Protein backbone atom coordinates (compact mmCIF):
# COMPACT_ATOMS: atom_id res chain seq x y z
CA MET A 1 0.00 0.00 0.00
CA ARG A 2 2.91 2.30 0.78
CA ILE A 3 4.38 1.79 -2.72
CA LEU A 4 1.04 2.64 -4.32
CA ARG A 5 0.85 5.87 -2.30
CA TYR A 6 4.38 6.85 -3.41
CA MET A 7 3.52 6.07 -7.01
CA VAL A 8 0.39 8.24 -6.85
CA LEU A 9 2.35 11.07 -5.21
CA ALA A 10 5.10 10.78 -7.82
CA LEU A 11 2.52 10.88 -10.61
CA LEU A 12 0.85 13.96 -9.10
CA PHE A 13 4.25 15.61 -8.74
CA LEU A 14 5.08 14.93 -12.41
CA LEU A 15 1.70 16.26 -13.47
CA LEU A 16 2.24 19.42 -11.43
CA VAL A 17 5.70 19.89 -12.96
CA ALA A 18 4.25 19.43 -16.47
CA VAL A 19 1.60 22.08 -15.79
CA ILE A 20 4.13 24.52 -14.36
CA VAL A 21 6.53 24.00 -17.27
CA GLY A 22 3.58 24.45 -19.67
CA PHE A 23 2.99 27.96 -18.38
CA PHE A 24 6.55 28.87 -19.38
CA LEU A 25 6.05 27.65 -22.94
CA PRO A 26 5.15 30.24 -25.58
CA ALA A 27 1.45 31.13 -25.64
CA LYS A 28 1.64 32.41 -29.20
CA VAL A 29 2.61 30.50 -32.30
CA HIS A 30 3.51 32.00 -35.68
CA LEU A 31 4.76 30.44 -38.87
CA GLU A 32 4.96 31.61 -42.44
CA ARG A 33 6.04 30.40 -45.82
CA SER A 34 6.54 32.32 -49.07
CA THR A 35 6.79 31.83 -52.79
CA VAL A 36 7.11 34.11 -55.82
CA ILE A 37 4.43 33.89 -58.49
CA ASN A 38 5.13 35.20 -61.97
CA LYS A 39 1.90 37.24 -62.18
CA GLU A 40 0.69 40.65 -61.08
CA ALA A 41 -0.75 41.09 -57.59
CA ASP A 42 -4.27 41.86 -58.90
CA LYS A 43 -4.53 38.44 -60.60
CA ILE A 44 -3.43 36.65 -57.43
CA PHE A 45 -5.60 38.79 -55.17
CA THR A 46 -8.72 37.95 -57.20
CA VAL A 47 -8.17 34.24 -56.50
CA LEU A 48 -7.27 34.71 -52.82
CA ASN A 49 -10.10 37.12 -52.06
CA SER A 50 -12.79 34.64 -53.15
CA LEU A 51 -13.04 31.40 -51.22
CA SER A 52 -14.81 29.89 -54.24
CA TYR A 53 -11.29 29.33 -55.65
CA PHE A 54 -9.87 27.88 -52.43
CA ASN A 55 -10.11 24.23 -53.38
CA GLN A 56 -8.26 24.93 -56.64
CA TRP A 57 -5.08 25.41 -54.62
CA SER A 58 -5.84 24.19 -51.10
CA PRO A 59 -3.27 21.76 -49.70
CA TRP A 60 -6.07 19.93 -47.88
CA PHE A 61 -8.49 19.34 -50.76
CA ASP A 62 -6.68 16.15 -51.85
CA TYR A 63 -7.18 14.63 -48.40
CA ASP A 64 -10.90 14.29 -49.15
CA PRO A 65 -12.09 15.48 -52.58
CA ASN A 66 -15.57 14.20 -51.73
CA ALA A 67 -15.99 16.41 -48.67
CA ASN A 68 -19.04 18.65 -48.52
CA TYR A 69 -18.12 22.33 -49.02
CA VAL A 70 -20.57 25.20 -48.59
CA LEU A 71 -19.86 28.80 -49.57
CA SER A 72 -21.84 31.53 -47.86
CA GLY A 73 -21.79 35.28 -47.54
CA PRO A 74 -20.49 37.54 -50.29
CA GLU A 75 -18.79 36.06 -53.35
CA ALA A 76 -15.53 37.76 -52.35
CA GLY A 77 -14.03 39.85 -49.59
CA VAL A 78 -14.96 40.27 -45.95
CA GLY A 79 -17.65 37.86 -44.81
CA SER A 80 -17.02 35.28 -47.52
CA THR A 81 -17.11 31.94 -45.69
CA LEU A 82 -16.30 28.36 -46.64
CA THR A 83 -17.45 25.54 -44.36
CA TRP A 84 -16.62 21.88 -44.83
CA GLN A 85 -17.42 18.46 -43.54
CA GLY A 86 -15.27 15.55 -44.60
CA ASN A 87 -13.47 12.41 -43.59
CA GLU A 88 -11.39 12.04 -40.43
CA LYS A 89 -8.37 13.58 -42.17
CA ILE A 90 -9.98 17.00 -42.73
CA GLY A 91 -12.88 16.78 -40.29
CA THR A 92 -15.21 19.77 -40.07
CA GLY A 93 -14.52 23.47 -39.94
CA SER A 94 -14.94 26.90 -41.44
CA ASN A 95 -12.78 29.59 -42.97
CA GLU A 96 -13.94 33.22 -43.16
CA ILE A 97 -12.30 36.29 -44.69
CA ILE A 98 -12.23 38.90 -41.91
CA GLU A 99 -10.09 41.57 -43.58
CA SER A 100 -9.19 42.28 -47.16
CA LYS A 101 -7.03 45.04 -48.63
CA GLN A 102 -7.00 45.20 -52.43
CA ASN A 103 -3.85 43.65 -53.92
CA GLN A 104 -2.09 43.63 -50.51
CA TYR A 105 -3.50 40.94 -48.21
CA ILE A 106 -6.41 38.95 -46.87
CA ARG A 107 -6.85 37.78 -43.28
CA THR A 108 -8.97 34.80 -42.36
CA LYS A 109 -10.16 33.16 -39.19
CA PHE A 110 -10.87 29.48 -39.16
CA TYR A 111 -12.22 26.83 -36.88
CA PHE A 112 -11.33 23.16 -36.88
CA GLY A 113 -13.61 20.54 -35.43
CA LYS A 114 -15.34 21.48 -32.22
CA SER A 115 -12.78 24.12 -31.25
CA GLU A 116 -14.39 27.24 -29.84
CA SER A 117 -11.25 29.30 -30.40
CA PRO A 118 -10.36 30.38 -33.93
CA ALA A 119 -6.94 30.32 -35.52
CA PHE A 120 -5.91 33.05 -37.96
CA SER A 121 -4.00 33.32 -41.19
CA LYS A 122 -2.86 36.14 -43.41
CA ILE A 123 -1.82 35.93 -47.04
CA SER A 124 0.21 38.97 -48.07
CA LEU A 125 1.27 40.13 -51.51
CA SER A 126 4.35 42.25 -52.21
CA SER A 127 6.36 43.21 -55.26
CA ASP A 128 9.29 41.08 -56.29
CA GLU A 129 11.63 41.43 -59.25
CA ASN A 130 10.31 38.12 -60.59
CA GLY A 131 6.61 38.79 -60.03
CA THR A 132 4.67 38.89 -56.77
CA LYS A 133 5.86 37.49 -53.47
CA VAL A 134 3.06 35.64 -51.67
CA THR A 135 3.52 35.05 -47.94
CA TRP A 136 1.10 32.77 -46.09
CA ALA A 137 1.25 33.15 -42.31
CA PHE A 138 -0.48 31.26 -39.50
CA TYR A 139 -0.80 32.67 -36.03
CA ASN A 140 -2.63 31.74 -32.88
CA ASP A 141 -2.69 32.64 -29.21
CA PHE A 142 -3.24 29.68 -26.89
CA GLY A 143 -3.67 31.86 -23.82
CA TYR A 144 -3.44 29.89 -20.59
CA ASN A 145 -4.28 26.51 -22.14
CA VAL A 146 -1.25 24.42 -21.14
CA PHE A 147 -2.22 21.50 -23.38
CA TYR A 148 -2.32 23.77 -26.47
CA ARG A 149 1.02 25.33 -25.50
CA TYR A 150 2.63 21.88 -25.64
CA PHE A 151 0.80 21.29 -28.92
CA GLY A 152 2.31 24.54 -30.20
CA LEU A 153 5.77 23.00 -29.97
CA VAL A 154 4.99 20.59 -32.82
CA LEU A 155 2.46 22.68 -34.72
CA GLU A 156 4.96 24.12 -37.18
CA ASP A 157 6.16 20.63 -38.13
CA MET A 158 2.53 19.65 -38.73
CA ILE A 159 1.36 22.72 -40.67
CA ALA A 160 4.42 23.96 -42.56
CA PRO A 161 4.43 21.17 -45.18
CA ASP A 162 0.76 21.91 -45.96
CA TYR A 163 1.48 25.63 -46.30
CA GLU A 164 4.37 24.88 -48.65
CA LYS A 165 2.17 22.55 -50.71
CA GLY A 166 -0.62 25.15 -50.80
CA LEU A 167 1.72 27.86 -52.05
CA LYS A 168 3.08 25.50 -54.70
CA ASN A 169 -0.49 24.66 -55.77
CA LEU A 170 -1.42 28.37 -55.81
CA LYS A 171 1.60 29.22 -57.96
CA GLU A 172 0.79 26.46 -60.44
CA TYR A 173 -2.89 27.40 -60.56
CA ILE A 174 -2.30 31.14 -60.98
CA GLU A 175 0.46 30.82 -63.55
CA ALA A 176 -1.61 28.34 -65.58
CA THR A 177 -4.96 30.17 -65.48
CA ALA A 178 -4.63 33.89 -64.69
CA ASN A 179 -4.37 36.11 -67.75
């Protein structure tokens, strides 16, 4: 019985240490990836500012091409929303344009699954000698949620390959279709 008590106390101690360490982990996470597209910013912005084009370049579309997608709100710009429901790989969620500045950037907030807290992204456009530099950034604030702070340590490894694939898809789509 004594050994069991020590084991329980040791487990509680480890749990307490994990929680305390968690509060020292970064609460905010930020990652970004960029590419240069050989087209003018207005051609790229038209595609980015309308979520009706999202699945043409989305890195996640291939995970479940049969998912149910619903567009709502305006055709383009602030308020344009894309919701989805798919297999276990993409789950359910929504993506909404919350800010849009012509030929400069769009900001979106999105929800995954049953999460009550949104994550945010920003896709920025800037001039480059070879066309237009497109930078896709992800950022989130986990606040005091210790579990999410630990999750934040591996989030870049999980999301960065998808962002790189999405930018590659966007480049191919824009350069093949935009006039």
